[in-house]
Amino acid sequence: MSTNRQKSFIAEMSTDIDHLDFPRLTHGKKVTYSYINPWTGSQETIDISNYLFAKKKKPKITLKFYFRCTGNHYHIYIRTPGAYYGRILGMNEDDAITATGDKDATNFNLLDNYGKVITLDDISSDKLTLQIQTTHGDLLTGQTFKKWSEGHYVTASGGGNMDFHLNIIERNASYLDDPDEV
């Protein structure tokens, strides 16, 4: 039986829709979106700097993620140098996937082509396509309804299906805080 470390890995990740990106990494600063609130009629502004987006224009860097296995699910940490290095993927109150701190982390399942939950033990190739869902059963999808220039934002509440392409660059990867674990 494999240990959690043996089932953990680092991979570059993209989607079938577009390249993945965080606006702060692309623009090097805080990125906001202004809109008219349909319930109040007032203009509101939200910070979307840490939202995970899929966009057609290739970003400066390909995002790398650390898939930390715990049992049969994963926490997904950002391993791309920059403002979000070491942060974990979570979900905000609108179900958008964001770079966040440990207290707001979300657990994810990796799904094969048949919808079966898999771990690195089930993955023989370093290049694969899969779907990702929260451990509550919500698939990660892409939405554009807010017409953001950043592209589709990745969410766990509806939207278009999204396949994720992984290029595994390190298997049996250690946790940053415990490089000597077995």
C-alpha atoms as a PDB file:
ATOM      1  CA  MET A   1       0.000   0.000   0.000  1.00  0.00           C
ATOM      2  CA  SER A   2       1.370   3.396  -0.995  1.00  0.00           C
ATOM      3  CA  THR A   3       1.974   6.200   1.481  1.00  0.00           C
ATOM      4  CA  ASN A   4       0.467   9.644   1.024  1.00  0.00           C
ATOM      5  CA  ARG A   5       3.856  10.902  -0.187  1.00  0.00           C
ATOM      6  CA  GLN A   6       4.110   8.093  -2.754  1.00  0.00           C
ATOM      7  CA  LYS A   7       0.705   9.128  -4.116  1.00  0.00           C
ATOM      8  CA  SER A   8       1.654  12.847  -4.198  1.00  0.00           C
ATOM      9  CA  PHE A   9       3.080  14.557  -7.269  1.00  0.00           C
ATOM     10  CA  ILE A  10       3.936  17.844  -8.976  1.00  0.00           C
ATOM     11  CA  ALA A  11       2.392  18.584 -12.364  1.00  0.00           C
ATOM     12  CA  GLU A  12       1.911  21.338 -14.879  1.00  0.00           C
ATOM     13  CA  MET A  13      -1.790  21.725 -15.539  1.00  0.00           C
ATOM     14  CA  SER A  14      -3.876  23.208 -18.354  1.00  0.00           C
ATOM     15  CA  THR A  15      -7.446  22.705 -19.548  1.00  0.00           C
ATOM     16  CA  ASP A  16      -9.218  21.768 -22.749  1.00  0.00           C
ATOM     17  CA  ILE A  17     -10.655  25.312 -22.794  1.00  0.00           C
ATOM     18  CA  ASP A  18      -7.506  27.378 -22.289  1.00  0.00           C
ATOM     19  CA  HIS A  19      -4.304  27.907 -20.267  1.00  0.00           C
ATOM     20  CA  LEU A  20      -4.582  28.319 -16.487  1.00  0.00           C
ATOM     21  CA  ASP A  21      -3.635  31.599 -14.865  1.00  0.00           C
ATOM     22  CA  PHE A  22      -4.028  33.796 -11.797  1.00  0.00           C
ATOM     23  CA  PRO A  23      -4.475  37.483 -12.800  1.00  0.00           C
ATOM     24  CA  ARG A  24      -1.980  38.705 -10.171  1.00  0.00           C
ATOM     25  CA  LEU A  25       0.738  36.501 -11.688  1.00  0.00           C
ATOM     26  CA  THR A  26       0.031  37.835 -15.196  1.00  0.00           C
ATOM     27  CA  HIS A  27      -0.389  41.506 -14.350  1.00  0.00           C
ATOM     28  CA  GLY A  28       1.936  41.722 -11.339  1.00  0.00           C
ATOM     29  CA  LYS A  29      -0.638  43.662  -9.332  1.00  0.00           C
ATOM     30  CA  LYS A  30      -4.114  43.545  -7.825  1.00  0.00           C
ATOM     31  CA  VAL A  31      -6.810  42.971 -10.461  1.00  0.00           C
ATOM     32  CA  THR A  32     -10.419  44.034  -9.839  1.00  0.00           C
ATOM     33  CA  TYR A  33     -13.714  43.694 -11.660  1.00  0.00           C
ATOM     34  CA  SER A  34     -16.499  46.293 -11.415  1.00  0.00           C
ATOM     35  CA  TYR A  35     -20.132  45.499 -12.101  1.00  0.00           C
ATOM     36  CA  ILE A  36     -23.648  46.717 -11.351  1.00  0.00           C
ATOM     37  CA  ASN A  37     -25.277  44.650  -8.619  1.00  0.00           C
ATOM     38  CA  PRO A  38     -28.676  43.606 -10.075  1.00  0.00           C
ATOM     39  CA  TRP A  39     -30.328  43.526  -6.625  1.00  0.00           C
ATOM     40  CA  THR A  40     -29.160  46.911  -5.368  1.00  0.00           C
ATOM     41  CA  GLY A  41     -28.449  48.761  -8.617  1.00  0.00           C
ATOM     42  CA  SER A  42     -25.170  50.005  -7.170  1.00  0.00           C
ATOM     43  CA  GLN A  43     -21.734  49.574  -8.681  1.00  0.00           C
ATOM     44  CA  GLU A  44     -19.553  47.063  -6.845  1.00  0.00           C
ATOM     45  CA  THR A  45     -15.938  46.038  -7.252  1.00  0.00           C
ATOM     46  CA  ILE A  46     -14.421  42.676  -6.377  1.00  0.00           C
ATOM     47  CA  ASP A  47     -10.784  41.605  -6.246  1.00  0.00           C
ATOM     48  CA  ILE A  48     -10.250  38.730  -8.717  1.00  0.00           C
ATOM     49  CA  SER A  49      -6.441  38.635  -8.384  1.00  0.00           C
ATOM     50  CA  ASN A  50      -6.437  35.171  -6.809  1.00  0.00           C
ATOM     51  CA  TYR A  51      -9.178  33.575  -8.967  1.00  0.00           C
ATOM     52  CA  LEU A  52      -8.069  30.654 -11.140  1.00  0.00           C
ATOM     53  CA  PHE A  53      -8.812  31.447 -14.782  1.00  0.00           C
ATOM     54  CA  ALA A  54      -8.546  29.561 -18.053  1.00  0.00           C
ATOM     55  CA  LYS A  55      -7.711  31.914 -20.902  1.00  0.00           C
ATOM     56  CA  LYS A  56      -6.788  31.614 -24.555  1.00  0.00           C
ATOM     57  CA  LYS A  57      -3.768  33.902 -24.399  1.00  0.00           C
ATOM     58  CA  LYS A  58      -0.856  31.902 -23.029  1.00  0.00           C
ATOM     59  CA  PRO A  59       0.343  33.398 -19.729  1.00  0.00           C
ATOM     60  CA  LYS A  60       3.963  34.262 -18.985  1.00  0.00           C
ATOM     61  CA  ILE A  61       4.448  30.994 -17.102  1.00  0.00           C
ATOM     62  CA  THR A  62       2.834  27.558 -17.043  1.00  0.00           C
ATOM     63  CA  LEU A  63       1.299  26.925 -13.634  1.00  0.00           C
ATOM     64  CA  LYS A  64       2.719  24.077 -11.550  1.00  0.00           C
ATOM     65  CA  PHE A  65       0.748  22.413  -8.795  1.00  0.00           C
ATOM     66  CA  TYR A  66       1.586  20.019  -5.975  1.00  0.00           C
ATOM     67  CA  PHE A  67      -1.103  17.368  -5.620  1.00  0.00           C
ATOM     68  CA  ARG A  68      -0.875  16.306  -1.966  1.00  0.00           C
ATOM     69  CA  CYS A  69      -2.666  13.024  -1.383  1.00  0.00           C
ATOM     70  CA  THR A  70      -4.477  12.354   1.870  1.00  0.00           C
ATOM     71  CA  GLY A  71      -6.210   8.995   1.672  1.00  0.00           C
ATOM     72  CA  ASN A  72      -7.923   9.037  -1.720  1.00  0.00           C
ATOM     73  CA  HIS A  73      -8.348  12.784  -2.186  1.00  0.00           C
ATOM     74  CA  TYR A  74      -5.986  15.662  -2.871  1.00  0.00           C
ATOM     75  CA  HIS A  75      -5.178  19.132  -1.671  1.00  0.00           C
ATOM     76  CA  ILE A  76      -3.750  21.126  -4.568  1.00  0.00           C
ATOM     77  CA  TYR A  77      -0.953  23.556  -3.718  1.00  0.00           C
ATOM     78  CA  ILE A  78       0.547  26.126  -6.078  1.00  0.00           C
ATOM     79  CA  ARG A  79       4.214  25.494  -6.867  1.00  0.00           C
ATOM     80  CA  THR A  80       4.613  28.280  -9.431  1.00  0.00           C
ATOM     81  CA  PRO A  81       7.096  30.928  -8.253  1.00  0.00           C
ATOM     82  CA  GLY A  82       5.489  34.253  -7.416  1.00  0.00           C
ATOM     83  CA  ALA A  83       2.775  35.754  -5.243  1.00  0.00           C
ATOM     84  CA  TYR A  84       0.902  32.480  -4.643  1.00  0.00           C
ATOM     85  CA  TYR A  85       3.745  29.976  -4.208  1.00  0.00           C
ATOM     86  CA  GLY A  86       2.791  27.533  -1.436  1.00  0.00           C
ATOM     87  CA  ARG A  87      -0.860  28.638  -1.384  1.00  0.00           C
ATOM     88  CA  ILE A  88      -3.584  26.042  -1.700  1.00  0.00           C
ATOM     89  CA  LEU A  89      -6.622  25.921  -3.961  1.00  0.00           C
ATOM     90  CA  GLY A  90      -9.874  26.685  -2.193  1.00  0.00           C
ATOM     91  CA  MET A  91     -13.353  27.898  -2.984  1.00  0.00           C
ATOM     92  CA  ASN A  92     -14.838  31.291  -2.141  1.00  0.00           C
ATOM     93  CA  GLU A  93     -18.482  32.024  -1.240  1.00  0.00           C
ATOM     94  CA  ASP A  94     -19.373  32.131  -4.972  1.00  0.00           C
ATOM     95  CA  ASP A  95     -17.752  28.693  -5.554  1.00  0.00           C
ATOM     96  CA  ALA A  96     -14.912  30.233  -7.601  1.00  0.00           C
ATOM     97  CA  ILE A  97     -11.617  28.362  -7.263  1.00  0.00           C
ATOM     98  CA  THR A  98      -9.004  30.629  -5.679  1.00  0.00           C
ATOM     99  CA  ALA A  99      -5.459  30.672  -4.316  1.00  0.00           C
ATOM    100  CA  THR A 100      -5.995  30.785  -0.576  1.00  0.00           C
ATOM    101  CA  GLY A 101      -4.619  29.825   2.838  1.00  0.00           C
ATOM    102  CA  ASP A 102      -4.880  26.417   4.498  1.00  0.00           C
ATOM    103  CA  LYS A 103      -7.996  27.277   6.511  1.00  0.00           C
ATOM    104  CA  ASP A 104     -10.002  27.818   3.304  1.00  0.00           C
ATOM    105  CA  ALA A 105      -8.627  24.767   1.466  1.00  0.00           C
ATOM    106  CA  THR A 106     -10.862  22.466  -0.543  1.00  0.00           C
ATOM    107  CA  ASN A 107     -10.397  18.711  -0.921  1.00  0.00           C
ATOM    108  CA  PHE A 108     -10.490  17.405  -4.486  1.00  0.00           C
ATOM    109  CA  ASN A 109     -10.954  14.060  -6.199  1.00  0.00           C
ATOM    110  CA  LEU A 110      -9.262  13.205  -9.482  1.00  0.00           C
ATOM    111  CA  LEU A 111     -11.597  11.357 -11.865  1.00  0.00           C
ATOM    112  CA  ASP A 112     -10.684   9.075 -14.753  1.00  0.00           C
ATOM    113  CA  ASN A 113     -12.624   8.882 -18.045  1.00  0.00           C
ATOM    114  CA  TYR A 114     -15.264   6.704 -16.363  1.00  0.00           C
ATOM    115  CA  GLY A 115     -15.849   9.042 -13.404  1.00  0.00           C
ATOM    116  CA  LYS A 116     -13.937   6.773 -10.998  1.00  0.00           C
ATOM    117  CA  VAL A 117     -11.882   8.432  -8.243  1.00  0.00           C
ATOM    118  CA  ILE A 118      -8.186   7.775  -8.849  1.00  0.00           C
ATOM    119  CA  THR A 119      -4.833   8.467  -7.193  1.00  0.00           C
ATOM    120  CA  LEU A 120      -1.302   8.423  -8.553  1.00  0.00           C
ATOM    121  CA  ASP A 121      -1.306   4.636  -7.969  1.00  0.00           C
ATOM    122  CA  ASP A 122      -3.806   4.399 -10.862  1.00  0.00           C
ATOM    123  CA  ILE A 123      -1.832   6.671 -13.219  1.00  0.00           C
ATOM    124  CA  SER A 124       0.876   4.998 -15.315  1.00  0.00           C
ATOM    125  CA  SER A 125       1.592   7.811 -17.801  1.00  0.00           C
ATOM    126  CA  ASP A 126       3.065  11.219 -17.006  1.00  0.00           C
ATOM    127  CA  LYS A 127       0.635  12.901 -19.417  1.00  0.00           C
ATOM    128  CA  LEU A 128      -3.070  12.431 -18.877  1.00  0.00           C
ATOM    129  CA  THR A 129      -6.469  14.057 -19.106  1.00  0.00           C
ATOM    130  CA  LEU A 130      -8.921  13.903 -16.214  1.00  0.00           C
ATOM    131  CA  GLN A 131     -11.680  15.771 -14.453  1.00  0.00           C
ATOM    132  CA  ILE A 132     -11.478  17.251 -10.979  1.00  0.00           C
ATOM    133  CA  GLN A 133     -14.306  17.485  -8.477  1.00  0.00           C
ATOM    134  CA  THR A 134     -14.656  18.625  -4.898  1.00  0.00           C
ATOM    135  CA  THR A 135     -15.046  15.799  -2.403  1.00  0.00           C
ATOM    136  CA  HIS A 136     -18.676  16.992  -2.127  1.00  0.00           C
ATOM    137  CA  GLY A 137     -19.178  15.877  -5.749  1.00  0.00           C
ATOM    138  CA  ASP A 138     -19.101  19.233  -7.595  1.00  0.00           C
ATOM    139  CA  LEU A 139     -17.137  19.103 -10.869  1.00  0.00           C
ATOM    140  CA  LEU A 140     -14.764  21.955 -11.639  1.00  0.00           C
ATOM    141  CA  THR A 141     -16.050  23.806 -14.696  1.00  0.00           C
ATOM    142  CA  GLY A 142     -15.474  27.075 -16.535  1.00  0.00           C
ATOM    143  CA  GLN A 143     -17.832  30.059 -16.513  1.00  0.00           C
ATOM    144  CA  THR A 144     -17.817  33.337 -18.428  1.00  0.00           C
ATOM    145  CA  PHE A 145     -21.164  34.878 -17.480  1.00  0.00           C
ATOM    146  CA  LYS A 146     -19.561  37.970 -15.943  1.00  0.00           C
ATOM    147  CA  LYS A 147     -17.752  38.794 -19.218  1.00  0.00           C
ATOM    148  CA  TRP A 148     -14.373  39.078 -17.533  1.00  0.00           C
ATOM    149  CA  SER A 149     -11.494  39.829 -19.863  1.00  0.00           C
ATOM    150  CA  GLU A 150      -9.398  37.296 -17.950  1.00  0.00           C
ATOM    151  CA  GLY A 151     -11.254  34.389 -19.606  1.00  0.00           C
ATOM    152  CA  HIS A 152     -13.294  31.598 -18.036  1.00  0.00           C
ATOM    153  CA  TYR A 153     -13.041  31.425 -14.277  1.00  0.00           C
ATOM    154  CA  VAL A 154     -12.829  27.962 -12.755  1.00  0.00           C
ATOM    155  CA  THR A 155     -15.759  27.203 -10.496  1.00  0.00           C
ATOM    156  CA  ALA A 156     -17.536  24.353  -8.722  1.00  0.00           C
ATOM    157  CA  SER A 157     -21.042  25.601  -9.511  1.00  0.00           C
ATOM    158  CA  GLY A 158     -22.162  24.888 -13.038  1.00  0.00           C
ATOM    159  CA  GLY A 159     -20.664  26.129 -16.257  1.00  0.00           C
ATOM    160  CA  GLY A 160     -19.140  24.252 -19.156  1.00  0.00           C
ATOM    161  CA  ASN A 161     -17.410  20.922 -18.633  1.00  0.00           C
ATOM    162  CA  MET A 162     -13.676  21.224 -18.260  1.00  0.00           C
ATOM    163  CA  ASP A 163     -11.067  18.535 -18.790  1.00  0.00           C
ATOM    164  CA  PHE A 164      -7.700  19.076 -17.131  1.00  0.00           C
ATOM    165  CA  HIS A 165      -4.452  18.062 -18.832  1.00  0.00           C
ATOM    166  CA  LEU A 166      -1.651  17.095 -16.486  1.00  0.00           C
ATOM    167  CA  ASN A 167       2.027  16.787 -17.260  1.00  0.00           C
ATOM    168  CA  ILE A 168       3.515  15.071 -14.207  1.00  0.00           C
ATOM    169  CA  ILE A 169       7.036  16.331 -13.627  1.00  0.00           C
ATOM    170  CA  GLU A 170       7.767  14.719 -10.236  1.00  0.00           C
ATOM    171  CA  ARG A 171       6.272  11.641  -8.579  1.00  0.00           C
ATOM    172  CA  ASN A 172       6.623  10.795  -4.873  1.00  0.00           C
ATOM    173  CA  ALA A 173       6.894  14.531  -4.172  1.00  0.00           C
ATOM    174  CA  SER A 174       7.368  15.679  -0.610  1.00  0.00           C
ATOM    175  CA  TYR A 175       5.307  18.184   1.299  1.00  0.00           C
ATOM    176  CA  LEU A 176       7.137  21.540   1.598  1.00  0.00           C
ATOM    177  CA  ASP A 177       7.061  21.413   5.419  1.00  0.00           C
ATOM    178  CA  ASP A 178       8.265  17.789   5.611  1.00  0.00           C
ATOM    179  CA  PRO A 179      10.820  17.041   2.868  1.00  0.00           C
ATOM    180  CA  ASP A 180      12.103  13.917   4.652  1.00  0.00           C
ATOM    181  CA  GLU A 181       8.773  12.119   5.019  1.00  0.00           C
ATOM    182  CA  VAL A 182       8.535   8.582   3.687  1.00  0.00           C
END
